[in-house]
């Protein structure tokens, strides 16, 4: 309820002749108002403004397929590694060359991610980055593998192709005739392809994973405070 205040002094007598007390609001005889009553506006309190919340550090995004910079870095490293693996090399250096570049693919993916985002990568994050890179390496390898198999099958056939490739120089401990017989059999060919794909998947994902974890470990030591 608003407080009241008077705006003028009260006269000693009312117009009806009645004598009025000094604080009279109305004439006790005729009821006539003796002064104007004005409501006093209460003072408004200033609205309290809460201080802005303190800035908190943004959480480091987890490495995964939902992390776009991580996916881009992994794909770039996988593409570069696959390109270098496909370069012609001597037969005796083909396997070591492939292993080295698969290992370096995970290492490069972590380096690309750090350079692009500046975000630190834990050892666990490095392993995850290397695994994503390995998945991309495997997919790229499967694309080229499928194209090669289709090209050979539409020509002279797998058995004839490998008979020509290994003529007189079959790997030690490998029965070339038995392997070629399996290639000519649909069930044998399917079994060889399953084992080959499983071996390739393990190699193409395990080595980049190790490379990513190694890169994160090395960079963690360099950036840790002394």
Protein backbone atom coordinates (compact mmCIF):
# COMPACT_ATOMS: atom_id res chain seq x y z
CA UNK A 1 0.00 0.00 0.00
CA UNK A 2 1.30 3.44 -0.96
CA UNK A 3 1.92 5.96 1.90
CA UNK A 4 -0.12 9.19 1.94
CA UNK A 5 0.94 12.79 2.42
CA UNK A 6 -0.89 16.09 2.71
CA UNK A 7 -0.37 18.84 0.16
CA UNK A 8 -1.61 21.90 2.12
CA UNK A 9 -2.26 23.13 5.67
CA UNK A 10 -5.69 22.64 7.25
CA UNK A 11 -7.66 25.79 8.06
CA UNK A 12 -8.82 26.45 11.61
CA UNK A 13 -12.54 26.52 10.68
CA UNK A 14 -14.58 24.66 8.06
CA UNK A 15 -16.88 26.54 5.71
CA UNK A 16 -19.77 25.26 7.81
CA UNK A 17 -18.34 27.10 10.83
CA UNK A 18 -17.10 24.04 12.72
CA UNK A 19 -13.68 24.38 14.36
CA UNK A 20 -11.27 21.84 13.00
CA UNK A 21 -8.29 20.16 14.63
CA UNK A 22 -4.95 20.80 12.95
CA UNK A 23 -4.67 17.27 11.49
CA UNK A 24 -8.28 16.86 10.35
CA UNK A 25 -8.88 15.26 6.97
CA UNK A 26 -12.64 15.80 6.98
CA UNK A 27 -15.01 18.12 8.80
CA UNK A 28 -16.54 16.30 11.71
CA UNK A 29 -19.78 18.22 11.18
CA UNK A 30 -20.42 18.28 7.42
CA UNK A 31 -17.86 15.73 6.20
CA UNK A 32 -16.21 18.09 3.75
CA UNK A 33 -12.61 17.16 2.86
CA UNK A 34 -10.18 19.63 4.30
CA UNK A 35 -7.03 18.82 2.28
CA UNK A 36 -5.97 16.86 -0.77
CA UNK A 37 -4.37 13.50 -0.18
CA UNK A 38 -1.70 12.38 -2.65
CA UNK A 39 -0.21 8.91 -2.74
CA UNK A 40 3.54 8.91 -2.48
CA UNK A 41 5.34 6.77 -5.04
CA UNK A 42 7.77 4.39 -3.32
CA UNK A 43 11.38 4.64 -4.35
CA UNK A 44 12.30 2.04 -6.89
CA UNK A 45 15.20 -0.16 -6.12
CA UNK A 46 17.68 -0.70 -8.92
CA UNK A 47 17.45 -4.15 -10.44
CA UNK A 48 20.30 -6.41 -9.36
CA UNK A 49 22.32 -7.67 -12.26
CA UNK A 50 24.14 -10.91 -11.62
CA UNK A 51 27.79 -10.88 -12.66
CA UNK A 52 28.55 -12.79 -15.86
CA UNK A 53 29.62 -16.39 -15.27
CA UNK A 54 33.34 -16.96 -15.17
CA UNK A 55 34.75 -18.26 -18.41
CA UNK A 56 35.53 -21.95 -18.26
CA UNK A 57 38.05 -23.77 -20.38
CA UNK A 58 36.53 -25.61 -23.33
CA UNK A 59 36.85 -29.39 -23.04
CA UNK A 60 39.31 -31.04 -25.40
CA UNK A 61 37.28 -32.81 -28.13
CA UNK A 62 37.62 -36.57 -28.08
CA UNK A 63 39.30 -38.17 -31.06
CA UNK A 64 36.76 -40.07 -33.14
CA UNK A 65 34.82 -40.07 -36.40
CA UNK A 66 32.62 -37.25 -35.02
CA UNK A 67 35.72 -35.03 -34.75
CA UNK A 68 36.01 -33.49 -38.22
CA UNK A 69 39.60 -32.16 -37.90
CA UNK A 70 40.68 -35.63 -36.73
CA UNK A 71 38.93 -37.31 -39.67
CA UNK A 72 40.47 -34.88 -42.16
CA UNK A 73 43.95 -35.39 -40.70
CA UNK A 74 43.56 -39.17 -40.72
CA UNK A 75 42.30 -39.24 -44.31
CA UNK A 76 45.12 -36.99 -45.51
CA UNK A 77 47.74 -39.19 -43.83
CA UNK A 78 46.10 -42.36 -45.20
CA UNK A 79 45.96 -40.97 -48.74
CA UNK A 80 49.62 -39.91 -48.61
CA UNK A 81 50.69 -43.27 -47.20
CA UNK A 82 48.68 -45.20 -49.81
CA UNK A 83 50.22 -43.13 -52.60
CA UNK A 84 53.75 -43.85 -51.38
CA UNK A 85 52.99 -47.56 -50.91
CA UNK A 86 51.76 -47.78 -54.51
CA UNK A 87 55.06 -46.46 -55.88
CA UNK A 88 57.07 -49.12 -57.74
CA UNK A 89 59.72 -50.69 -55.53
CA UNK A 90 61.96 -53.77 -55.82
CA UNK A 91 60.15 -56.97 -54.86
CA UNK A 92 62.37 -57.60 -51.85
CA UNK A 93 61.63 -54.09 -50.51
CA UNK A 94 57.88 -54.12 -51.10
CA UNK A 95 56.91 -55.56 -47.69
CA UNK A 96 59.31 -53.40 -45.60
CA UNK A 97 58.30 -50.31 -47.59
CA UNK A 98 54.62 -51.00 -46.89
CA UNK A 99 55.18 -51.63 -43.18
CA UNK A 100 57.19 -48.43 -42.74
CA UNK A 101 54.61 -46.22 -44.43
CA UNK A 102 51.70 -47.78 -42.58
CA UNK A 103 53.49 -47.09 -39.31
CA UNK A 104 54.25 -43.53 -40.37
CA UNK A 105 50.64 -42.97 -41.48
CA UNK A 106 49.44 -42.89 -37.86
CA UNK A 107 52.40 -40.71 -36.87
CA UNK A 108 51.63 -38.21 -39.65
CA UNK A 109 47.92 -38.12 -38.77
CA UNK A 110 48.72 -36.94 -35.22
CA UNK A 111 51.15 -34.35 -36.57
CA UNK A 112 48.57 -33.02 -39.06
CA UNK A 113 45.94 -32.82 -36.31
CA UNK A 114 48.22 -30.91 -33.95
CA UNK A 115 49.27 -28.50 -36.68
CA UNK A 116 45.70 -27.88 -37.78
CA UNK A 117 44.03 -27.49 -34.37
CA UNK A 118 46.76 -26.89 -31.79
CA UNK A 119 44.87 -29.24 -29.46
CA UNK A 120 46.97 -31.60 -27.33
CA UNK A 121 46.61 -35.30 -28.06
CA UNK A 122 46.86 -37.89 -25.32
CA UNK A 123 48.40 -41.30 -25.92
CA UNK A 124 44.91 -42.80 -25.99
CA UNK A 125 43.86 -40.14 -28.49
CA UNK A 126 46.94 -40.96 -30.57
CA UNK A 127 45.95 -44.63 -30.70
CA UNK A 128 42.43 -43.65 -31.77
CA UNK A 129 43.80 -41.30 -34.42
CA UNK A 130 46.05 -44.06 -35.76
CA UNK A 131 43.13 -46.50 -35.82
CA UNK A 132 40.99 -44.09 -37.84
CA UNK A 133 43.93 -43.63 -40.22
CA UNK A 134 44.27 -47.41 -40.53
CA UNK A 135 40.59 -47.73 -41.42
CA UNK A 136 41.07 -45.22 -44.23
CA UNK A 137 44.24 -47.02 -45.38
CA UNK A 138 42.36 -50.32 -45.49
CA UNK A 139 39.42 -48.85 -47.43
CA UNK A 140 41.76 -47.27 -50.00
CA UNK A 141 43.71 -50.53 -50.32
CA UNK A 142 40.46 -52.48 -50.82
CA UNK A 143 39.41 -50.17 -53.62
CA UNK A 144 42.67 -50.79 -55.50
CA UNK A 145 42.57 -54.50 -54.61
CA UNK A 146 39.05 -54.87 -55.99
CA UNK A 147 39.94 -53.05 -59.20
CA UNK A 148 43.01 -55.28 -59.64
CA UNK A 149 41.10 -58.52 -59.01
CA UNK A 150 38.35 -57.54 -61.45
CA UNK A 151 40.92 -56.60 -64.08
CA UNK A 152 42.82 -59.88 -63.72
CA UNK A 153 39.66 -62.03 -63.56
CA UNK A 154 38.26 -60.47 -66.73
CA UNK A 155 41.51 -61.27 -68.55
CA UNK A 156 43.51 -64.45 -68.25
CA UNK A 157 42.18 -65.35 -64.78
CA UNK A 158 43.75 -65.40 -61.35
CA UNK A 159 45.26 -68.88 -61.66
CA UNK A 160 46.98 -68.12 -64.96
CA UNK A 161 48.16 -64.74 -63.70
CA UNK A 162 49.80 -66.16 -60.56
CA UNK A 163 51.22 -69.13 -62.48
CA UNK A 164 53.01 -66.64 -64.67
CA UNK A 165 54.08 -64.47 -61.72
CA UNK A 166 55.54 -67.34 -59.67
CA UNK A 167 56.89 -69.45 -62.51
CA UNK A 168 60.15 -70.96 -61.32
CA UNK A 169 60.32 -68.81 -58.16
CA UNK A 170 57.52 -69.90 -55.84
CA UNK A 171 57.94 -68.80 -52.19
CA UNK A 172 59.63 -71.32 -49.92
CA UNK A 173 57.21 -73.72 -48.27
CA UNK A 174 54.37 -72.89 -50.69
CA UNK A 175 52.91 -75.59 -52.90
CA UNK A 176 52.29 -73.55 -56.04
CA UNK A 177 50.13 -76.22 -57.70
CA UNK A 178 47.91 -76.54 -54.64
CA UNK A 179 47.53 -72.73 -54.41
CA UNK A 180 46.65 -72.47 -58.09
CA UNK A 181 44.13 -75.28 -57.75
CA UNK A 182 42.45 -73.39 -54.92
CA UNK A 183 42.31 -70.24 -57.06
CA UNK A 184 40.48 -72.19 -59.77
CA UNK A 185 37.89 -73.41 -57.24
CA UNK A 186 35.17 -70.95 -56.15
CA UNK A 187 35.23 -72.20 -52.56
CA UNK A 188 39.03 -72.16 -52.48
CA UNK A 189 39.13 -68.67 -53.95
CA UNK A 190 36.61 -67.42 -51.38
CA UNK A 191 38.66 -68.91 -48.51
CA UNK A 192 41.87 -67.31 -49.81
CA UNK A 193 40.17 -63.93 -50.16
CA UNK A 194 38.73 -64.09 -46.63
CA UNK A 195 42.11 -64.88 -45.09
CA UNK A 196 43.83 -62.26 -47.26
CA UNK A 197 41.32 -59.57 -46.29
CA UNK A 198 41.60 -60.46 -42.60
CA UNK A 199 45.39 -60.30 -42.72
CA UNK A 200 45.31 -56.99 -44.60
CA UNK A 201 42.80 -55.51 -42.16
CA UNK A 202 44.95 -56.40 -39.16
CA UNK A 203 48.10 -55.06 -40.79
CA UNK A 204 46.51 -51.87 -42.16
CA UNK A 205 44.89 -50.96 -38.82
CA UNK A 206 47.43 -52.22 -36.28
CA UNK A 207 50.50 -50.47 -37.67
CA UNK A 208 48.92 -46.97 -38.02
CA UNK A 209 47.45 -47.39 -34.52
CA UNK A 210 50.91 -48.03 -33.12
CA UNK A 211 52.28 -45.09 -35.10
CA UNK A 212 49.61 -42.74 -33.73
CA UNK A 213 50.24 -43.79 -30.14
CA UNK A 214 54.00 -43.41 -30.62
CA UNK A 215 53.57 -39.92 -32.07
CA UNK A 216 51.31 -38.80 -29.21
CA UNK A 217 53.78 -40.18 -26.67
CA UNK A 218 56.75 -38.42 -28.23
CA UNK A 219 54.93 -35.11 -28.61
CA UNK A 220 53.57 -35.35 -25.06
CA UNK A 221 57.12 -35.51 -23.74
CA UNK A 222 58.16 -32.50 -25.82
CA UNK A 223 55.25 -30.32 -24.70
CA UNK A 224 55.12 -31.37 -21.03
CA UNK A 225 56.46 -28.72 -18.57
CA UNK A 226 59.92 -29.35 -17.18
